[in-house]
Amino acid sequence: MGLWQSYRMRLRRKRYKVRAYRKHFSLRPVADRTGAIKPGDVLLFCTLRDEMVRLPYFLQYYRDLGVSHFLCVDNDSGDGGREYLAGQKDVSLWTTRASYKAARFGVDWLNWLQNKYAHGHWTLVVDPDELFVYPFCDTRPIRALTDWLDVSQVRSFGAMLLDMYPKGRVDQVPYRSGQNPIEIASWFDPGNYTIEKNPIYGNLWIQGGPRARVFFQDAPRLAPALNKIPLVKWDRRYTYVSSTHMLLPRGLNKVYEQLGGEQASGVLLHAKFIDTFTDKAVEELERKQHYSSGAEYKAYAEHLSQSPELWCKWSEKYINWRQLEILGLMSKGNWA
């Protein structure tokens, strides 16, 4: 890429950082415990709205992995989730009634929080319905991964978003607060994924899975992107561009091997499709706060009202990260 394009990317990065600074004025601190953050702590950032039912397991899952502090933005929840998070000693919480869409779907809010509090820390950016799985996660804490990445001089770590779903109707089994959602949504598509390289940012663009197969079967190229870069050794110079799909500087997007072989990667188990989802889809369709005025949620609502099942004869039941590596959905690379 030429000097002119590189210059444009630097200007774009500066513009996103200015946007993040401007948008942070809409955030009101509810519980600021950032003074407890210690050097070397792994930090988790998320935005949420009305996710109270998921929060107990979400927090416990990431505590067990070794996350030290959670920095959360609550977008005007009304289900008690904000009050619950405010009572957690390892959570710092901000709230806002501002438009999620106008903040680039929450990216501006989190970019500002990361720039203010995460410089020099490994940061994990996930949604409450995403569970991060990495090589040896069943025996090694996340600090083992980040220490190895530091030694390897790697600044970012990619993970494919893997949509999980139940066998049978999505709304058949009620989800209980504190329960592992993968006990219900324990199936996934082992194949039918497409990958191409973004010529501008250099990141991989992955599509497929049940959302392309079911909700966007007539237009699979409109299906949501499944590529994410959720784990980054943060620096004030960095900025997310679009969700966690890609960052600037562009070098952070090279989370894949370019000269043959495999680079270590993970998976985000995406437990969106449980019994809470049908009502959520209708609500988000009405709010129109998501990409393309909620066109994705329109597809969800229309299909689920007719046939609320995603399982098919090719579906595979989740076992562990080694299964995902065998299927080629993640890799331990040269981390032994």
C-alpha atoms as a PDB file:
ATOM      1  CA  MET A   1       0.000   0.000   0.000  1.00  0.00           C
ATOM      2  CA  GLY A   2       1.374   3.396  -1.016  1.00  0.00           C
ATOM      3  CA  LEU A   3       2.389   6.403   1.060  1.00  0.00           C
ATOM      4  CA  TRP A   4      -0.800   8.275   0.219  1.00  0.00           C
ATOM      5  CA  GLN A   5      -2.977   5.419   1.465  1.00  0.00           C
ATOM      6  CA  SER A   6      -0.881   5.100   4.624  1.00  0.00           C
ATOM      7  CA  TYR A   7      -1.312   8.825   5.237  1.00  0.00           C
ATOM      8  CA  ARG A   8      -5.077   8.500   4.810  1.00  0.00           C
ATOM      9  CA  MET A   9      -5.126   5.652   7.322  1.00  0.00           C
ATOM     10  CA  ARG A  10      -3.270   7.778   9.878  1.00  0.00           C
ATOM     11  CA  LEU A  11      -5.807  10.555   9.388  1.00  0.00           C
ATOM     12  CA  ARG A  12      -8.656   8.068   9.760  1.00  0.00           C
ATOM     13  CA  ARG A  13      -7.165   6.758  12.990  1.00  0.00           C
ATOM     14  CA  LYS A  14      -6.890  10.286  14.367  1.00  0.00           C
ATOM     15  CA  ARG A  15     -10.493  10.992  13.380  1.00  0.00           C
ATOM     16  CA  TYR A  16     -11.738   7.902  15.211  1.00  0.00           C
ATOM     17  CA  LYS A  17      -9.780   8.895  18.301  1.00  0.00           C
ATOM     18  CA  VAL A  18     -11.321  12.382  18.200  1.00  0.00           C
ATOM     19  CA  ARG A  19     -14.779  10.799  17.823  1.00  0.00           C
ATOM     20  CA  ALA A  20     -14.142   8.614  20.863  1.00  0.00           C
ATOM     21  CA  TYR A  21     -13.137  11.656  22.917  1.00  0.00           C
ATOM     22  CA  ARG A  22     -16.263  13.551  21.886  1.00  0.00           C
ATOM     23  CA  LYS A  23     -18.599  10.633  22.534  1.00  0.00           C
ATOM     24  CA  HIS A  24     -17.236   9.966  26.020  1.00  0.00           C
ATOM     25  CA  PHE A  25     -19.028  13.058  27.330  1.00  0.00           C
ATOM     26  CA  SER A  26     -22.292  11.089  27.148  1.00  0.00           C
ATOM     27  CA  LEU A  27     -20.946   8.512  29.623  1.00  0.00           C
ATOM     28  CA  ARG A  28     -21.819   8.910  33.299  1.00  0.00           C
ATOM     29  CA  PRO A  29     -19.732   6.965  35.846  1.00  0.00           C
ATOM     30  CA  VAL A  30     -21.771   4.664  38.078  1.00  0.00           C
ATOM     31  CA  ALA A  31     -18.931   2.790  39.807  1.00  0.00           C
ATOM     32  CA  ASP A  32     -15.358   3.795  38.999  1.00  0.00           C
ATOM     33  CA  ARG A  33     -12.951   1.279  40.536  1.00  0.00           C
ATOM     34  CA  THR A  34     -10.201   1.748  37.954  1.00  0.00           C
ATOM     35  CA  GLY A  35      -7.832   2.790  40.734  1.00  0.00           C
ATOM     36  CA  ALA A  36      -7.619  -0.903  41.657  1.00  0.00           C
ATOM     37  CA  ILE A  37      -6.169  -1.854  38.257  1.00  0.00           C
ATOM     38  CA  LYS A  38      -2.606  -3.127  38.644  1.00  0.00           C
ATOM     39  CA  PRO A  39       0.205  -3.370  36.067  1.00  0.00           C
ATOM     40  CA  GLY A  40      -0.113  -6.620  34.166  1.00  0.00           C
ATOM     41  CA  ASP A  41      -3.846  -7.031  34.795  1.00  0.00           C
ATOM     42  CA  VAL A  42      -5.862  -8.436  31.890  1.00  0.00           C
ATOM     43  CA  LEU A  43      -8.844  -6.124  31.354  1.00  0.00           C
ATOM     44  CA  LEU A  44     -12.214  -6.881  29.774  1.00  0.00           C
ATOM     45  CA  PHE A  45     -14.347  -4.231  28.034  1.00  0.00           C
ATOM     46  CA  CYS A  46     -17.964  -4.586  26.963  1.00  0.00           C
ATOM     47  CA  THR A  47     -21.131  -2.683  26.159  1.00  0.00           C
ATOM     48  CA  LEU A  48     -24.494  -4.099  27.150  1.00  0.00           C
ATOM     49  CA  ARG A  49     -28.191  -3.423  27.402  1.00  0.00           C
ATOM     50  CA  ASP A  50     -30.708  -5.541  29.323  1.00  0.00           C
ATOM     51  CA  GLU A  51     -28.409  -8.544  29.762  1.00  0.00           C
ATOM     52  CA  MET A  52     -29.028  -9.216  33.447  1.00  0.00           C
ATOM     53  CA  VAL A  53     -29.870 -12.886  32.879  1.00  0.00           C
ATOM     54  CA  ARG A  54     -26.438 -13.484  31.301  1.00  0.00           C
ATOM     55  CA  LEU A  55     -24.245 -11.466  33.642  1.00  0.00           C
ATOM     56  CA  PRO A  56     -23.622 -13.933  36.529  1.00  0.00           C
ATOM     57  CA  TYR A  57     -22.209 -16.632  34.260  1.00  0.00           C
ATOM     58  CA  PHE A  58     -20.436 -14.115  31.991  1.00  0.00           C
ATOM     59  CA  LEU A  59     -18.534 -12.584  34.896  1.00  0.00           C
ATOM     60  CA  GLN A  60     -17.697 -15.932  36.470  1.00  0.00           C
ATOM     61  CA  TYR A  61     -16.486 -17.403  33.174  1.00  0.00           C
ATOM     62  CA  TYR A  62     -14.006 -14.602  32.599  1.00  0.00           C
ATOM     63  CA  ARG A  63     -12.948 -14.440  36.236  1.00  0.00           C
ATOM     64  CA  ASP A  64     -12.098 -18.129  35.984  1.00  0.00           C
ATOM     65  CA  LEU A  65     -10.008 -17.420  32.856  1.00  0.00           C
ATOM     66  CA  GLY A  66      -8.052 -14.816  34.794  1.00  0.00           C
ATOM     67  CA  VAL A  67      -9.568 -11.455  33.845  1.00  0.00           C
ATOM     68  CA  SER A  68      -8.755  -8.996  36.639  1.00  0.00           C
ATOM     69  CA  HIS A  69     -11.090  -6.080  35.943  1.00  0.00           C
ATOM     70  CA  PHE A  70     -14.218  -5.440  33.886  1.00  0.00           C
ATOM     71  CA  LEU A  71     -14.929  -2.021  32.332  1.00  0.00           C
ATOM     72  CA  CYS A  72     -18.525  -1.895  31.134  1.00  0.00           C
ATOM     73  CA  VAL A  73     -20.801   0.601  29.414  1.00  0.00           C
ATOM     74  CA  ASP A  74     -24.493   0.133  30.174  1.00  0.00           C
ATOM     75  CA  ASN A  75     -26.716   1.565  27.450  1.00  0.00           C
ATOM     76  CA  ASP A  76     -29.806   2.430  29.524  1.00  0.00           C
ATOM     77  CA  SER A  77     -30.694  -1.031  30.835  1.00  0.00           C
ATOM     78  CA  GLY A  78     -33.986  -1.440  32.624  1.00  0.00           C
ATOM     79  CA  ASP A  79     -33.717  -5.032  33.863  1.00  0.00           C
ATOM     80  CA  GLY A  80     -31.501  -4.524  36.917  1.00  0.00           C
ATOM     81  CA  GLY A  81     -28.256  -5.301  35.147  1.00  0.00           C
ATOM     82  CA  ARG A  82     -26.783  -1.875  35.830  1.00  0.00           C
ATOM     83  CA  GLU A  83     -27.433  -2.179  39.559  1.00  0.00           C
ATOM     84  CA  TYR A  84     -26.007  -5.710  39.612  1.00  0.00           C
ATOM     85  CA  LEU A  85     -22.772  -4.656  37.896  1.00  0.00           C
ATOM     86  CA  ALA A  86     -22.419  -1.633  40.163  1.00  0.00           C
ATOM     87  CA  GLY A  87     -22.256  -4.025  43.119  1.00  0.00           C
ATOM     88  CA  GLN A  88     -19.400  -6.129  41.734  1.00  0.00           C
ATOM     89  CA  LYS A  89     -16.015  -5.232  43.248  1.00  0.00           C
ATOM     90  CA  ASP A  90     -14.035  -5.985  40.077  1.00  0.00           C
ATOM     91  CA  VAL A  91     -16.308  -3.961  37.764  1.00  0.00           C
ATOM     92  CA  SER A  92     -16.069  -0.315  36.738  1.00  0.00           C
ATOM     93  CA  LEU A  93     -19.300   0.857  35.175  1.00  0.00           C
ATOM     94  CA  TRP A  94     -20.479   3.773  33.066  1.00  0.00           C
ATOM     95  CA  THR A  95     -24.006   4.349  31.816  1.00  0.00           C
ATOM     96  CA  THR A  96     -25.504   6.363  28.974  1.00  0.00           C
ATOM     97  CA  ARG A  97     -28.831   6.975  27.291  1.00  0.00           C
ATOM     98  CA  ALA A  98     -27.103   8.167  24.127  1.00  0.00           C
ATOM     99  CA  SER A  99     -27.567   6.440  20.783  1.00  0.00           C
ATOM    100  CA  TYR A 100     -25.684   3.156  20.429  1.00  0.00           C
ATOM    101  CA  LYS A 101     -25.757   3.613  16.663  1.00  0.00           C
ATOM    102  CA  ALA A 102     -24.392   7.187  16.821  1.00  0.00           C
ATOM    103  CA  ALA A 103     -21.463   5.899  18.897  1.00  0.00           C
ATOM    104  CA  ARG A 104     -20.613   3.549  16.015  1.00  0.00           C
ATOM    105  CA  PHE A 105     -22.419   0.714  17.799  1.00  0.00           C
ATOM    106  CA  GLY A 106     -20.543   1.336  21.024  1.00  0.00           C
ATOM    107  CA  VAL A 107     -17.068   1.334  19.482  1.00  0.00           C
ATOM    108  CA  ASP A 108     -16.474   5.019  20.292  1.00  0.00           C
ATOM    109  CA  TRP A 109     -17.302   4.487  23.973  1.00  0.00           C
ATOM    110  CA  LEU A 110     -14.964   1.532  24.372  1.00  0.00           C
ATOM    111  CA  ASN A 111     -12.172   3.128  22.341  1.00  0.00           C
ATOM    112  CA  TRP A 112     -12.169   6.022  24.794  1.00  0.00           C
ATOM    113  CA  LEU A 113     -12.185   3.753  27.855  1.00  0.00           C
ATOM    114  CA  GLN A 114      -9.368   1.652  26.444  1.00  0.00           C
ATOM    115  CA  ASN A 115      -7.295   4.704  25.585  1.00  0.00           C
ATOM    116  CA  LYS A 116      -7.768   6.094  29.094  1.00  0.00           C
ATOM    117  CA  TYR A 117      -7.356   2.969  31.220  1.00  0.00           C
ATOM    118  CA  ALA A 118      -5.807   0.158  29.159  1.00  0.00           C
ATOM    119  CA  HIS A 119      -2.490   1.503  27.848  1.00  0.00           C
ATOM    120  CA  GLY A 120       0.073  -1.289  28.267  1.00  0.00           C
ATOM    121  CA  HIS A 121      -2.528  -3.892  29.260  1.00  0.00           C
ATOM    122  CA  TRP A 122      -3.817  -6.901  27.391  1.00  0.00           C
ATOM    123  CA  THR A 123      -7.478  -6.119  26.727  1.00  0.00           C
ATOM    124  CA  LEU A 124     -10.327  -8.428  25.823  1.00  0.00           C
ATOM    125  CA  VAL A 125     -13.368  -6.869  24.117  1.00  0.00           C
ATOM    126  CA  VAL A 126     -16.410  -9.147  24.063  1.00  0.00           C
ATOM    127  CA  ASP A 127     -20.196  -9.055  24.284  1.00  0.00           C
ATOM    128  CA  PRO A 128     -22.119 -10.723  27.150  1.00  0.00           C
ATOM    129  CA  ASP A 129     -23.124 -13.572  24.812  1.00  0.00           C
ATOM    130  CA  GLU A 130     -19.525 -14.333  23.734  1.00  0.00           C
ATOM    131  CA  LEU A 131     -17.273 -16.845  25.519  1.00  0.00           C
ATOM    132  CA  PHE A 132     -13.596 -16.681  24.567  1.00  0.00           C
ATOM    133  CA  VAL A 133     -11.919 -20.041  23.895  1.00  0.00           C
ATOM    134  CA  TYR A 134      -8.172 -20.261  23.188  1.00  0.00           C
ATOM    135  CA  PRO A 135      -5.639 -23.109  22.995  1.00  0.00           C
ATOM    136  CA  PHE A 136      -5.228 -24.877  26.358  1.00  0.00           C
ATOM    137  CA  CYS A 137      -7.918 -22.696  27.968  1.00  0.00           C
ATOM    138  CA  ASP A 138      -9.038 -25.712  29.969  1.00  0.00           C
ATOM    139  CA  THR A 139      -5.668 -25.923  31.746  1.00  0.00           C
ATOM    140  CA  ARG A 140      -3.958 -22.533  31.344  1.00  0.00           C
ATOM    141  CA  PRO A 141      -5.181 -19.079  32.446  1.00  0.00           C
ATOM    142  CA  ILE A 142      -5.369 -16.228  29.987  1.00  0.00           C
ATOM    143  CA  ARG A 143      -2.152 -14.786  31.434  1.00  0.00           C
ATOM    144  CA  ALA A 144      -0.323 -17.835  30.099  1.00  0.00           C
ATOM    145  CA  LEU A 145      -1.568 -16.908  26.632  1.00  0.00           C
ATOM    146  CA  THR A 146      -0.719 -13.213  26.940  1.00  0.00           C
ATOM    147  CA  ASP A 147       2.728 -13.984  28.406  1.00  0.00           C
ATOM    148  CA  TRP A 148       3.458 -16.220  25.420  1.00  0.00           C
ATOM    149  CA  LEU A 149       2.214 -13.534  23.021  1.00  0.00           C
ATOM    150  CA  ASP A 150       4.480 -10.997  24.731  1.00  0.00           C
ATOM    151  CA  VAL A 151       7.503 -13.283  24.383  1.00  0.00           C
ATOM    152  CA  SER A 152       6.552 -13.886  20.746  1.00  0.00           C
ATOM    153  CA  GLN A 153       6.219 -10.100  20.193  1.00  0.00           C
ATOM    154  CA  VAL A 154       2.632 -10.524  19.014  1.00  0.00           C
ATOM    155  CA  ARG A 155       0.287  -7.604  19.773  1.00  0.00           C
ATOM    156  CA  SER A 156      -3.089  -9.004  18.716  1.00  0.00           C
ATOM    157  CA  PHE A 157      -4.889 -12.340  18.728  1.00  0.00           C
ATOM    158  CA  GLY A 158      -7.724 -13.341  16.393  1.00  0.00           C
ATOM    159  CA  ALA A 159     -10.810 -15.425  17.113  1.00  0.00           C
ATOM    160  CA  MET A 160     -13.597 -16.640  14.884  1.00  0.00           C
ATOM    161  CA  LEU A 161     -17.139 -16.025  16.076  1.00  0.00           C
ATOM    162  CA  LEU A 162     -18.834 -19.435  16.219  1.00  0.00           C
ATOM    163  CA  ASP A 163     -22.628 -19.285  16.386  1.00  0.00           C
ATOM    164  CA  MET A 164     -23.999 -21.821  18.864  1.00  0.00           C
ATOM    165  CA  TYR A 165     -27.591 -23.098  18.879  1.00  0.00           C
ATOM    166  CA  PRO A 166     -29.757 -25.826  20.438  1.00  0.00           C
ATOM    167  CA  LYS A 167     -31.079 -28.978  18.810  1.00  0.00           C
ATOM    168  CA  GLY A 168     -34.742 -28.162  18.350  1.00  0.00           C
ATOM    169  CA  ARG A 169     -36.527 -24.869  18.765  1.00  0.00           C
ATOM    170  CA  VAL A 170     -34.420 -21.924  19.873  1.00  0.00           C
ATOM    171  CA  ASP A 171     -37.035 -21.089  22.506  1.00  0.00           C
ATOM    172  CA  GLN A 172     -37.655 -24.663  23.697  1.00  0.00           C
ATOM    173  CA  VAL A 173     -35.406 -24.701  26.797  1.00  0.00           C
ATOM    174  CA  PRO A 174     -35.523 -21.703  29.171  1.00  0.00           C
ATOM    175  CA  TYR A 175     -32.171 -20.251  30.146  1.00  0.00           C
ATOM    176  CA  ARG A 176     -31.549 -19.853  33.888  1.00  0.00           C
ATOM    177  CA  SER A 177     -29.410 -17.034  35.225  1.00  0.00           C
ATOM    178  CA  GLY A 178     -25.975 -18.347  36.181  1.00  0.00           C
ATOM    179  CA  GLN A 179     -26.209 -21.310  33.805  1.00  0.00           C
ATOM    180  CA  ASN A 180     -23.603 -22.023  31.150  1.00  0.00           C
ATOM    181  CA  PRO A 181     -25.518 -21.168  27.945  1.00  0.00           C
ATOM    182  CA  ILE A 182     -23.517 -23.779  26.033  1.00  0.00           C
ATOM    183  CA  GLU A 183     -25.438 -26.424  27.997  1.00  0.00           C
ATOM    184  CA  ILE A 184     -28.438 -25.345  25.903  1.00  0.00           C
ATOM    185  CA  ALA A 185     -26.863 -23.930  22.745  1.00  0.00           C
ATOM    186  CA  SER A 186     -24.333 -26.720  22.330  1.00  0.00           C
ATOM    187  CA  TRP A 187     -24.379 -27.215  18.541  1.00  0.00           C
ATOM    188  CA  PHE A 188     -22.572 -25.406  15.721  1.00  0.00           C
ATOM    189  CA  ASP A 189     -21.860 -25.549  11.990  1.00  0.00           C
ATOM    190  CA  PRO A 190     -18.480 -27.261  11.438  1.00  0.00           C
ATOM    191  CA  GLY A 191     -18.163 -26.018   7.851  1.00  0.00           C
ATOM    192  CA  ASN A 192     -19.784 -23.748   5.212  1.00  0.00           C
ATOM    193  CA  TYR A 193     -17.523 -20.744   5.927  1.00  0.00           C
ATOM    194  CA  THR A 194     -15.985 -18.376   3.395  1.00  0.00           C
ATOM    195  CA  ILE A 195     -12.825 -16.339   3.962  1.00  0.00           C
ATOM    196  CA  GLU A 196     -11.412 -13.430   1.998  1.00  0.00           C
ATOM    197  CA  LYS A 197      -8.861 -10.725   2.705  1.00  0.00           C
ATOM    198  CA  ASN A 198      -9.909  -7.105   3.147  1.00  0.00           C
ATOM    199  CA  PRO A 199      -7.724  -5.229   0.630  1.00  0.00           C
ATOM    200  CA  ILE A 200      -7.822  -1.975   2.627  1.00  0.00           C
ATOM    201  CA  TYR A 201      -7.323  -3.034   6.241  1.00  0.00           C
ATOM    202  CA  GLY A 202      -5.628  -6.394   5.672  1.00  0.00           C
ATOM    203  CA  ASN A 203      -7.935  -8.339   8.013  1.00  0.00           C
ATOM    204  CA  LEU A 204      -9.663 -11.567   7.059  1.00  0.00           C
ATOM    205  CA  TRP A 205     -13.410 -11.408   6.396  1.00  0.00           C
ATOM    206  CA  ILE A 206     -15.243 -14.586   7.434  1.00  0.00           C
ATOM    207  CA  GLN A 207     -18.915 -15.351   6.774  1.00  0.00           C
ATOM    208  CA  GLY A 208     -21.099 -18.430   6.999  1.00  0.00           C
ATOM    209  CA  GLY A 209     -22.494 -20.647   9.728  1.00  0.00           C
ATOM    210  CA  PRO A 210     -26.185 -20.846  10.628  1.00  0.00           C
ATOM    211  CA  ARG A 211     -26.843 -17.157  10.044  1.00  0.00           C
ATOM    212  CA  ALA A 212     -25.736 -17.380   6.413  1.00  0.00           C
ATOM    213  CA  ARG A 213     -27.327 -20.809   6.009  1.00  0.00           C
ATOM    214  CA  VAL A 214     -30.718 -19.907   7.489  1.00  0.00           C
ATOM    215  CA  PHE A 215     -31.295 -16.168   7.796  1.00  0.00           C
ATOM    216  CA  PHE A 216     -29.355 -15.031   4.721  1.00  0.00           C
ATOM    217  CA  GLN A 217     -29.618 -18.092   2.511  1.00  0.00           C
ATOM    218  CA  ASP A 218     -30.710 -15.974  -0.473  1.00  0.00           C
ATOM    219  CA  ALA A 219     -27.948 -13.396   0.031  1.00  0.00           C
ATOM    220  CA  PRO A 220     -25.092 -15.050   1.977  1.00  0.00           C
ATOM    221  CA  ARG A 221     -22.718 -12.157   1.286  1.00  0.00           C
ATOM    222  CA  LEU A 222     -24.967  -9.987   3.455  1.00  0.00           C
ATOM    223  CA  ALA A 223     -24.544 -12.327   6.426  1.00  0.00           C
ATOM    224  CA  PRO A 224     -22.764 -10.907   9.498  1.00  0.00           C
ATOM    225  CA  ALA A 225     -18.981 -11.042   9.673  1.00  0.00           C
ATOM    226  CA  LEU A 226     -17.533 -13.740  11.949  1.00  0.00           C
ATOM    227  CA  ASN A 227     -13.927 -12.512  12.094  1.00  0.00           C
ATOM    228  CA  LYS A 228     -12.879 -10.791  15.321  1.00  0.00           C
ATOM    229  CA  ILE A 229      -9.711  -9.565  17.004  1.00  0.00           C
ATOM    230  CA  PRO A 230     -10.870  -9.452  20.622  1.00  0.00           C
ATOM    231  CA  LEU A 231      -7.499  -9.659  22.417  1.00  0.00           C
ATOM    232  CA  VAL A 232      -5.005  -6.808  21.974  1.00  0.00           C
ATOM    233  CA  LYS A 233      -1.979  -5.502  23.889  1.00  0.00           C
ATOM    234  CA  TRP A 234      -3.451  -2.005  24.001  1.00  0.00           C
ATOM    235  CA  ASP A 235      -1.631   1.201  23.198  1.00  0.00           C
ATOM    236  CA  ARG A 236      -3.059   4.727  23.153  1.00  0.00           C
ATOM    237  CA  ARG A 237      -2.259   4.916  19.452  1.00  0.00           C
ATOM    238  CA  TYR A 238      -4.691   2.091  18.638  1.00  0.00           C
ATOM    239  CA  THR A 239      -8.349   2.247  17.729  1.00  0.00           C
ATOM    240  CA  TYR A 240     -10.998  -0.251  16.739  1.00  0.00           C
ATOM    241  CA  VAL A 241     -12.614   0.610  13.424  1.00  0.00           C
ATOM    242  CA  SER A 242     -15.660  -1.643  13.169  1.00  0.00           C
ATOM    243  CA  SER A 243     -16.700  -3.622  16.241  1.00  0.00           C
ATOM    244  CA  THR A 244     -13.704  -5.874  16.901  1.00  0.00           C
ATOM    245  CA  HIS A 245     -13.489  -6.880  13.241  1.00  0.00           C
ATOM    246  CA  MET A 246     -10.517  -4.635  12.485  1.00  0.00           C
ATOM    247  CA  LEU A 247      -8.182  -2.054  13.985  1.00  0.00           C
ATOM    248  CA  LEU A 248      -5.769   0.693  13.146  1.00  0.00           C
ATOM    249  CA  PRO A 249      -2.803   0.587  12.730  1.00  0.00           C
ATOM    250  CA  ARG A 250      -3.427  -2.068  10.092  1.00  0.00           C
ATOM    251  CA  GLY A 251      -0.596  -4.291  11.313  1.00  0.00           C
ATOM    252  CA  LEU A 252      -2.811  -5.362  14.226  1.00  0.00           C
ATOM    253  CA  ASN A 253      -5.117  -7.090  11.741  1.00  0.00           C
ATOM    254  CA  LYS A 254      -2.432  -9.571  10.627  1.00  0.00           C
ATOM    255  CA  VAL A 255      -3.564 -12.291  13.024  1.00  0.00           C
ATOM    256  CA  TYR A 256      -2.966 -15.019  10.439  1.00  0.00           C
ATOM    257  CA  GLU A 257       0.132 -16.624   8.947  1.00  0.00           C
ATOM    258  CA  GLN A 258       1.061 -15.148   5.567  1.00  0.00           C
ATOM    259  CA  LEU A 259       3.968 -17.410   4.575  1.00  0.00           C
ATOM    260  CA  GLY A 260       2.438 -20.817   5.170  1.00  0.00           C
ATOM    261  CA  GLY A 261       1.739 -22.690   8.373  1.00  0.00           C
ATOM    262  CA  GLU A 262      -0.736 -21.589  11.037  1.00  0.00           C
ATOM    263  CA  GLN A 263      -0.777 -18.771  13.554  1.00  0.00           C
ATOM    264  CA  ALA A 264      -2.364 -19.366  16.950  1.00  0.00           C
ATOM    265  CA  SER A 265      -5.996 -18.288  17.104  1.00  0.00           C
ATOM    266  CA  GLY A 266      -9.117 -18.793  19.175  1.00  0.00           C
ATOM    267  CA  VAL A 267     -12.885 -18.920  18.967  1.00  0.00           C
ATOM    268  CA  LEU A 268     -15.681 -16.873  20.488  1.00  0.00           C
ATOM    269  CA  LEU A 269     -18.554 -19.216  21.325  1.00  0.00           C
ATOM    270  CA  HIS A 270     -21.528 -17.035  20.417  1.00  0.00           C
ATOM    271  CA  ALA A 271     -24.466 -18.036  22.603  1.00  0.00           C
ATOM    272  CA  LYS A 272     -26.964 -15.634  21.045  1.00  0.00           C
ATOM    273  CA  PHE A 273     -29.531 -18.241  20.042  1.00  0.00           C
ATOM    274  CA  ILE A 274     -31.251 -19.240  23.269  1.00  0.00           C
ATOM    275  CA  ASP A 275     -34.840 -18.645  24.409  1.00  0.00           C
ATOM    276  CA  THR A 276     -34.201 -14.963  25.227  1.00  0.00           C
ATOM    277  CA  PHE A 277     -33.336 -14.225  21.614  1.00  0.00           C
ATOM    278  CA  THR A 278     -36.785 -14.076  19.986  1.00  0.00           C
ATOM    279  CA  ASP A 279     -37.970 -11.172  22.147  1.00  0.00           C
ATOM    280  CA  LYS A 280     -34.555  -9.530  21.821  1.00  0.00           C
ATOM    281  CA  ALA A 281     -34.737  -9.658  18.037  1.00  0.00           C
ATOM    282  CA  VAL A 282     -38.145  -7.977  17.988  1.00  0.00           C
ATOM    283  CA  GLU A 283     -36.985  -5.287  20.433  1.00  0.00           C
ATOM    284  CA  GLU A 284     -33.798  -4.500  18.490  1.00  0.00           C
ATOM    285  CA  LEU A 285     -35.734  -4.391  15.237  1.00  0.00           C
ATOM    286  CA  GLU A 286     -37.965  -1.695  16.710  1.00  0.00           C
ATOM    287  CA  ARG A 287     -35.039   0.269  18.191  1.00  0.00           C
ATOM    288  CA  LYS A 288     -33.111   0.336  14.883  1.00  0.00           C
ATOM    289  CA  GLN A 289     -29.845   0.870  16.743  1.00  0.00           C
ATOM    290  CA  HIS A 290     -27.884  -1.776  14.875  1.00  0.00           C
ATOM    291  CA  TYR A 291     -26.092  -1.849  11.557  1.00  0.00           C
ATOM    292  CA  SER A 292     -28.183  -1.006   8.469  1.00  0.00           C
ATOM    293  CA  SER A 293     -31.128   0.083  10.649  1.00  0.00           C
ATOM    294  CA  GLY A 294     -31.482  -3.410  12.088  1.00  0.00           C
ATOM    295  CA  ALA A 295     -31.749  -5.293   8.784  1.00  0.00           C
ATOM    296  CA  GLU A 296     -29.989  -8.234  10.428  1.00  0.00           C
ATOM    297  CA  TYR A 297     -32.626  -8.356  13.180  1.00  0.00           C
ATOM    298  CA  LYS A 298     -35.405  -8.101  10.607  1.00  0.00           C
ATOM    299  CA  ALA A 299     -34.104 -11.316   9.056  1.00  0.00           C
ATOM    300  CA  TYR A 300     -33.956 -12.946  12.479  1.00  0.00           C
ATOM    301  CA  ALA A 301     -37.475 -11.924  13.468  1.00  0.00           C
ATOM    302  CA  GLU A 302     -39.039 -12.973  10.168  1.00  0.00           C
ATOM    303  CA  HIS A 303     -37.474 -16.422  10.137  1.00  0.00           C
ATOM    304  CA  LEU A 304     -37.891 -17.245  13.811  1.00  0.00           C
ATOM    305  CA  SER A 305     -41.597 -16.425  13.647  1.00  0.00           C
ATOM    306  CA  GLN A 306     -41.975 -19.165  11.023  1.00  0.00           C
ATOM    307  CA  SER A 307     -39.406 -21.825  11.927  1.00  0.00           C
ATOM    308  CA  PRO A 308     -37.373 -21.261  15.104  1.00  0.00           C
ATOM    309  CA  GLU A 309     -34.840 -24.038  14.486  1.00  0.00           C
ATOM    310  CA  LEU A 310     -31.203 -23.791  13.358  1.00  0.00           C
ATOM    311  CA  TRP A 311     -30.065 -27.397  13.839  1.00  0.00           C
ATOM    312  CA  CYS A 312     -29.469 -29.502  10.725  1.00  0.00           C
ATOM    313  CA  LYS A 313     -28.038 -32.937   9.949  1.00  0.00           C
ATOM    314  CA  TRP A 314     -24.537 -31.496   9.529  1.00  0.00           C
ATOM    315  CA  SER A 315     -24.528 -29.799  12.937  1.00  0.00           C
ATOM    316  CA  GLU A 316     -21.863 -30.868  15.414  1.00  0.00           C
ATOM    317  CA  LYS A 317     -22.050 -30.864  19.204  1.00  0.00           C
ATOM    318  CA  TYR A 318     -19.400 -28.862  21.024  1.00  0.00           C
ATOM    319  CA  ILE A 319     -16.883 -30.770  23.131  1.00  0.00           C
ATOM    320  CA  ASN A 320     -13.798 -28.606  23.695  1.00  0.00           C
ATOM    321  CA  TRP A 321     -11.171 -26.418  22.028  1.00  0.00           C
ATOM    322  CA  ARG A 322      -9.261 -29.431  20.690  1.00  0.00           C
ATOM    323  CA  GLN A 323     -12.317 -30.424  18.675  1.00  0.00           C
ATOM    324  CA  LEU A 324     -12.406 -26.928  17.156  1.00  0.00           C
ATOM    325  CA  GLU A 325      -8.714 -27.196  16.268  1.00  0.00           C
ATOM    326  CA  ILE A 326      -9.238 -30.543  14.546  1.00  0.00           C
ATOM    327  CA  LEU A 327     -12.037 -28.951  12.515  1.00  0.00           C
ATOM    328  CA  GLY A 328      -9.741 -26.088  11.494  1.00  0.00           C
ATOM    329  CA  LEU A 329     -11.776 -23.395  13.258  1.00  0.00           C
ATOM    330  CA  MET A 330      -8.877 -22.363  15.536  1.00  0.00           C
ATOM    331  CA  SER A 331      -5.213 -23.249  15.987  1.00  0.00           C
ATOM    332  CA  LYS A 332      -2.593 -23.527  18.701  1.00  0.00           C
ATOM    333  CA  GLY A 333       0.068 -22.580  16.144  1.00  0.00           C
ATOM    334  CA  ASN A 334       3.516 -23.153  17.639  1.00  0.00           C
ATOM    335  CA  TRP A 335       2.361 -22.683  21.222  1.00  0.00           C
ATOM    336  CA  ALA A 336       3.057 -25.958  22.960  1.00  0.00           C
END
